[in-house]
C-alpha atoms as a PDB file:
ATOM      1  CA  ILE A   1      -1.229   0.488 -11.816  1.00  0.00           C
ATOM      2  CA  SER A   2      -2.320   0.999  -8.226  1.00  0.00           C
ATOM      3  CA  THR A   3      -1.741  -2.680  -7.475  1.00  0.00           C
ATOM      4  CA  LEU A   4       1.840  -2.401  -8.711  1.00  0.00           C
ATOM      5  CA  LEU A   5       2.225   0.762  -6.674  1.00  0.00           C
ATOM      6  CA  GLY A   6       1.076  -1.081  -3.553  1.00  0.00           C
ATOM      7  CA  ILE A   7       3.392  -4.014  -4.110  1.00  0.00           C
ATOM      8  CA  SER A   8       6.275  -1.639  -4.798  1.00  0.00           C
ATOM      9  CA  SER A   9       5.395   0.154  -1.589  1.00  0.00           C
ATOM     10  CA  ALA A  10       6.374  -2.997   0.316  1.00  0.00           C
ATOM     11  CA  VAL A  11       9.977  -2.445  -0.778  1.00  0.00           C
ATOM     12  CA  VAL A  12      10.233   1.319  -1.237  1.00  0.00           C
ATOM     13  CA  ASP A  13       8.807   3.998   1.044  1.00  0.00           C
ATOM     14  CA  ASN A  14       5.291   4.879  -0.076  1.00  0.00           C
ATOM     15  CA  VAL A  15       5.767   8.667   0.010  1.00  0.00           C
ATOM     16  CA  PRO A  16       8.035   8.834  -3.081  1.00  0.00           C
ATOM     17  CA  LEU A  17       5.789   6.352  -4.889  1.00  0.00           C
ATOM     18  CA  VAL A  18       2.691   8.453  -4.240  1.00  0.00           C
ATOM     19  CA  GLN A  19       4.614  11.563  -5.325  1.00  0.00           C
ATOM     20  CA  ALA A  20       5.587   9.791  -8.546  1.00  0.00           C
ATOM     21  CA  SER A  21       1.952   8.894  -9.198  1.00  0.00           C
ATOM     22  CA  ILE A  22       0.952  12.505  -8.577  1.00  0.00           C
ATOM     23  CA  ASN A  23       3.558  13.584 -11.116  1.00  0.00           C
ATOM     24  CA  MET A  24       2.300  10.997 -13.632  1.00  0.00           C
ATOM     25  CA  PHE A  25      -1.450  11.497 -13.239  1.00  0.00           C
ATOM     26  CA  GLY A  26      -1.762  14.910 -11.582  1.00  0.00           C
ATOM     27  CA  THR A  27      -2.550  16.747 -14.789  1.00  0.00           C
ATOM     28  CA  THR A  28      -5.017  14.152 -16.133  1.00  0.00           C
ATOM     29  CA  ALA A  29      -6.934  13.082 -13.021  1.00  0.00           C
ATOM     30  CA  PRO A  30      -8.835  15.686 -10.997  1.00  0.00           C
ATOM     31  CA  THR A  31      -8.241  15.910  -7.259  1.00  0.00           C
ATOM     32  CA  ASP A  32     -11.522  14.194  -6.385  1.00  0.00           C
ATOM     33  CA  ASP A  33     -11.004  11.325  -8.840  1.00  0.00           C
ATOM     34  CA  PRO A  34     -11.396   7.826  -7.336  1.00  0.00           C
ATOM     35  CA  LEU A  35      -7.889   7.065  -8.620  1.00  0.00           C
ATOM     36  CA  TRP A  36      -6.402   8.978  -5.686  1.00  0.00           C
ATOM     37  CA  GLN A  37      -8.420   6.965  -3.182  1.00  0.00           C
ATOM     38  CA  LEU A  38      -7.105   3.798  -4.773  1.00  0.00           C
ATOM     39  CA  VAL A  39      -3.521   5.122  -4.789  1.00  0.00           C
ATOM     40  CA  ALA A  40      -3.758   5.960  -1.078  1.00  0.00           C
ATOM     41  CA  LEU A  41      -5.278   2.569  -0.261  1.00  0.00           C
ATOM     42  CA  ALA A  42      -2.709   0.632  -2.277  1.00  0.00           C
ATOM     43  CA  ALA A  43       0.327   2.539  -1.028  1.00  0.00           C
ATOM     44  CA  GLY A  44      -0.829   2.526   2.584  1.00  0.00           C
ATOM     45  CA  THR A  45      -1.712  -1.151   2.859  1.00  0.00           C
ATOM     46  CA  GLY A  46       0.890  -2.471   0.441  1.00  0.00           C
ATOM     47  CA  GLY A  47       3.647  -0.950   2.547  1.00  0.00           C
ATOM     48  CA  SER A  48       2.883  -3.392   5.339  1.00  0.00           C
ATOM     49  CA  ILE A  49       3.599  -6.515   3.296  1.00  0.00           C
ATOM     50  CA  LEU A  50       7.286  -6.238   4.222  1.00  0.00           C
ATOM     51  CA  PRO A  51       8.562  -4.555   7.389  1.00  0.00           C
ATOM     52  CA  VAL A  52      10.804  -2.169   5.460  1.00  0.00           C
ATOM     53  CA  GLY A  53       7.835  -0.788   3.503  1.00  0.00           C
ATOM     54  CA  SER A  54       6.282   1.087   6.400  1.00  0.00           C
ATOM     55  CA  ILE A  55       7.486   3.114   9.341  1.00  0.00           C
ATOM     56  CA  ALA A  56       5.321   0.912  11.574  1.00  0.00           C
ATOM     57  CA  GLY A  57       7.209  -2.186  10.436  1.00  0.00           C
ATOM     58  CA  VAL A  58      10.584  -0.546  10.935  1.00  0.00           C
ATOM     59  CA  THR A  59       9.520   0.671  14.378  1.00  0.00           C
ATOM     60  CA  LEU A  60       8.302  -2.812  15.314  1.00  0.00           C
ATOM     61  CA  MET A  61      11.653  -4.266  14.279  1.00  0.00           C
ATOM     62  CA  THR A  62      13.555  -1.612  16.227  1.00  0.00           C
ATOM     63  CA  ILE A  63      11.577  -1.379  19.466  1.00  0.00           C
ATOM     64  CA  GLU A  64      10.476  -5.002  19.815  1.00  0.00           C
ATOM     65  CA  GLY A  65      13.572  -6.556  18.257  1.00  0.00           C
ATOM     66  CA  VAL A  66      11.535  -8.405  15.646  1.00  0.00           C
ATOM     67  CA  GLY A  67      13.643  -9.821  12.828  1.00  0.00           C
ATOM     68  CA  PHE A  68      12.940  -9.461   9.133  1.00  0.00           C
ATOM     69  CA  LEU A  69      12.353 -13.177   8.607  1.00  0.00           C
ATOM     70  CA  TRP A  70      10.104 -13.411  11.677  1.00  0.00           C
ATOM     71  CA  TYR A  71       7.954 -10.608  10.232  1.00  0.00           C
ATOM     72  CA  CYS A  72       7.864 -12.251   6.813  1.00  0.00           C
ATOM     73  CA  ARG A  73       6.823 -15.618   8.243  1.00  0.00           C
ATOM     74  CA  ARG A  74       4.151 -14.316  10.610  1.00  0.00           C
ATOM     75  CA  VAL A  75       2.847 -11.023   9.238  1.00  0.00           C
ATOM     76  CA  SER A  76       3.519 -10.704   5.498  1.00  0.00           C
ATOM     77  CA  LEU A  77       0.908 -13.219   4.379  1.00  0.00           C
ATOM     78  CA  TRP A  78      -1.798 -11.530   6.482  1.00  0.00           C
ATOM     79  CA  ALA A  79      -0.738  -8.098   5.210  1.00  0.00           C
ATOM     80  CA  ALA A  80      -0.830  -9.320   1.603  1.00  0.00           C
ATOM     81  CA  LEU A  81      -4.289 -10.813   2.146  1.00  0.00           C
ATOM     82  CA  GLY A  82      -5.466  -7.536   3.693  1.00  0.00           C
ATOM     83  CA  PHE A  83      -4.007  -5.650   0.734  1.00  0.00           C
ATOM     84  CA  ALA A  84      -5.819  -7.888  -1.766  1.00  0.00           C
ATOM     85  CA  ALA A  85      -9.079  -7.782   0.221  1.00  0.00           C
ATOM     86  CA  GLY A  86      -8.906  -3.997   0.475  1.00  0.00           C
ATOM     87  CA  LEU A  87      -8.487  -3.654  -3.279  1.00  0.00           C
ATOM     88  CA  ALA A  88     -11.322  -6.112  -3.909  1.00  0.00           C
ATOM     89  CA  VAL A  89     -13.705  -4.296  -1.568  1.00  0.00           C
ATOM     90  CA  TYR A  90     -12.751  -0.963  -3.126  1.00  0.00           C
ATOM     91  CA  GLN A  91     -13.519  -2.314  -6.612  1.00  0.00           C
ATOM     92  CA  LEU A  92     -16.823  -3.748  -5.369  1.00  0.00           C
ATOM     93  CA  GLN A  93     -17.839  -0.433  -3.813  1.00  0.00           C
ATOM     94  CA  THR A  94     -16.848   1.446  -6.948  1.00  0.00           C
ATOM     95  CA  SER A  95     -18.851  -0.878  -9.188  1.00  0.00           C
ATOM     96  CA  MET A  96     -21.921  -0.674  -6.916  1.00  0.00           C
ATOM     97  CA  SER A  97     -21.920   3.116  -6.853  1.00  0.00           C
ATOM     98  CA  ALA A  98     -21.601   3.478 -10.635  1.00  0.00           C
END
């Protein structure tokens, strides 16, 4: 679910997506549950896959005049790899601490 949240965060602002996950899981998962760490990681890094998914991407496009396609060609792949690596490292850390 967190992976889908992260990928969705590339298209939609991550704040409403995190709020939706809080509404879905807030009553079943305690505040210190590892789920919330994973939600924050996925929404935060997934938002950078496309420039419209993060305020940093939108700011880069506005201030530096970077186009959407330029961003997609030069940054999106690296952001997607970082997203996948972050999730993999998180899962590895979680499995090692259990």
